[in-house]
């Protein structure tokens, strides 16, 4: 089963990394004044943890672009991550079903 999932897992992780890098670049440009987003590396790590549930809406509300942009940014990021995680689960179920 794991052999059949390797291609799906690699595709998932590539898409997940592209998602994280793209949003990290955008977050670093938009939230430069916030301590968690001062560099691309810090933004990447912050968004990585945010994708697993450790996010702070109060911090992004203080962004210079406004509270609406900050909250919208996090919501869009989280919705895309939910879609990626659901895709991973569907691929696992599909491989298991095909095997049985």
Protein backbone atom coordinates (compact mmCIF):
# COMPACT_ATOMS: atom_id res chain seq x y z
CA UNK A 1 0.00 0.00 0.00
CA UNK A 2 2.79 2.41 0.86
CA UNK A 3 4.41 1.85 -2.56
CA UNK A 4 1.19 2.92 -4.25
CA UNK A 5 0.91 5.98 -2.03
CA UNK A 6 4.44 7.29 -2.60
CA UNK A 7 3.55 9.14 -5.81
CA UNK A 8 0.48 10.70 -4.18
CA UNK A 9 2.43 11.66 -1.06
CA UNK A 10 5.24 13.25 -3.07
CA UNK A 11 2.74 15.24 -5.11
CA UNK A 12 0.98 16.33 -1.92
CA UNK A 13 4.21 17.48 -0.25
CA UNK A 14 5.34 19.35 -3.38
CA UNK A 15 2.01 21.18 -3.57
CA UNK A 16 2.08 21.84 0.18
CA UNK A 17 5.60 23.31 -0.03
CA UNK A 18 4.64 25.48 -3.01
CA UNK A 19 1.62 26.69 -1.04
CA UNK A 20 3.73 27.47 2.03
CA UNK A 21 6.47 29.26 0.07
CA UNK A 22 3.99 31.37 -1.91
CA UNK A 23 2.06 32.41 1.17
CA UNK A 24 5.31 33.01 3.10
CA UNK A 25 6.48 35.46 0.41
CA UNK A 26 3.11 37.21 0.47
CA UNK A 27 2.98 37.27 4.28
CA UNK A 28 6.51 38.64 4.54
CA UNK A 29 5.60 41.48 2.16
CA UNK A 30 2.24 42.23 3.78
CA UNK A 31 3.07 41.81 7.48
CA UNK A 32 6.68 43.00 7.60
CA UNK A 33 6.08 44.91 10.84
CA UNK A 34 4.88 41.82 12.74
CA UNK A 35 7.59 39.83 14.53
CA UNK A 36 6.41 36.45 13.20
CA UNK A 37 6.62 37.59 9.57
CA UNK A 38 9.80 39.71 9.43
CA UNK A 39 11.68 37.34 7.16
CA UNK A 40 10.68 34.67 4.70
CA UNK A 41 11.98 31.95 7.01
CA UNK A 42 9.98 33.22 9.99
CA UNK A 43 6.87 33.60 7.83
CA UNK A 44 7.36 30.06 6.49
CA UNK A 45 7.64 28.60 10.00
CA UNK A 46 4.69 30.65 11.28
CA UNK A 47 2.49 29.54 8.39
CA UNK A 48 3.65 25.93 8.77
CA UNK A 49 2.44 25.95 12.37
CA UNK A 50 -0.70 27.85 11.36
CA UNK A 51 -1.62 25.08 8.95
CA UNK A 52 -1.74 22.72 11.94
CA UNK A 53 -3.91 25.00 14.06
CA UNK A 54 -1.49 27.36 15.82
CA UNK A 55 -2.52 30.68 14.34
CA UNK A 56 -3.14 34.09 15.87
CA UNK A 57 -5.86 36.23 14.34
CA UNK A 58 -5.15 39.03 16.83
CA UNK A 59 -1.60 39.47 15.56
CA UNK A 60 -2.58 39.85 11.90
CA UNK A 61 -5.36 42.28 12.80
CA UNK A 62 -2.62 44.78 13.64
CA UNK A 63 -1.19 44.71 10.11
CA UNK A 64 -0.71 47.98 8.25
CA UNK A 65 -3.02 46.74 5.50
CA UNK A 66 -5.87 46.44 7.99
CA UNK A 67 -7.61 43.81 10.04
CA UNK A 68 -9.81 42.70 7.14
CA UNK A 69 -6.83 41.85 4.95
CA UNK A 70 -5.03 40.00 7.74
CA UNK A 71 -8.01 37.86 8.68
CA UNK A 72 -8.88 37.24 5.01
CA UNK A 73 -5.28 36.20 4.34
CA UNK A 74 -5.31 33.61 7.14
CA UNK A 75 -8.75 32.29 6.21
CA UNK A 76 -7.78 31.82 2.55
CA UNK A 77 -4.53 30.15 3.61
CA UNK A 78 -6.36 27.79 5.96
CA UNK A 79 -9.05 26.93 3.39
CA UNK A 80 -6.40 26.03 0.82
CA UNK A 81 -4.63 23.87 3.40
CA UNK A 82 -7.88 22.11 4.28
CA UNK A 83 -8.31 21.37 0.58
CA UNK A 84 -4.80 19.94 0.38
CA UNK A 85 -5.31 17.78 3.47
CA UNK A 86 -8.65 16.53 2.13
CA UNK A 87 -6.92 15.67 -1.14
CA UNK A 88 -4.37 13.62 0.77
CA UNK A 89 -7.08 11.73 2.65
CA UNK A 90 -9.04 11.08 -0.53
CA UNK A 91 -5.93 9.70 -2.24
CA UNK A 92 -5.27 7.39 0.70
CA UNK A 93 -8.86 6.14 0.60
CA UNK A 94 -8.68 5.68 -3.17
CA UNK A 95 -5.50 3.61 -2.94
CA UNK A 96 -6.94 1.50 -0.14
CA UNK A 97 -10.15 0.92 -2.08
CA UNK A 98 -8.27 -0.03 -5.24
CA UNK A 99 -6.14 -2.46 -3.29
CA UNK A 100 -9.10 -4.20 -1.72
